[in-house]
């Protein structure tokens, strides 16, 4: 699946860019960053389920705020 970075105060991602992600246990996703596209070190939890069936995810365990939006293909 692909996710789009919609907010990054940490500097590991680029807002507006797409990143490869994969769903893991509990609805979390693992997502890559600008230096490690495979990104098995970053886990994001679902924080918002939208009416269009997309999901907003947030990276946990960091001081800043990093948000991703699931990309829904029509």
Foldseek 3Di string as FASTA:
>chain_A
DKKAKCDDPPPFADHGDIADWDADPPRKIATHTPVGRVRPPWIWDWDDQDPVRKTKTWTPDDDDTIIIIDDDDD
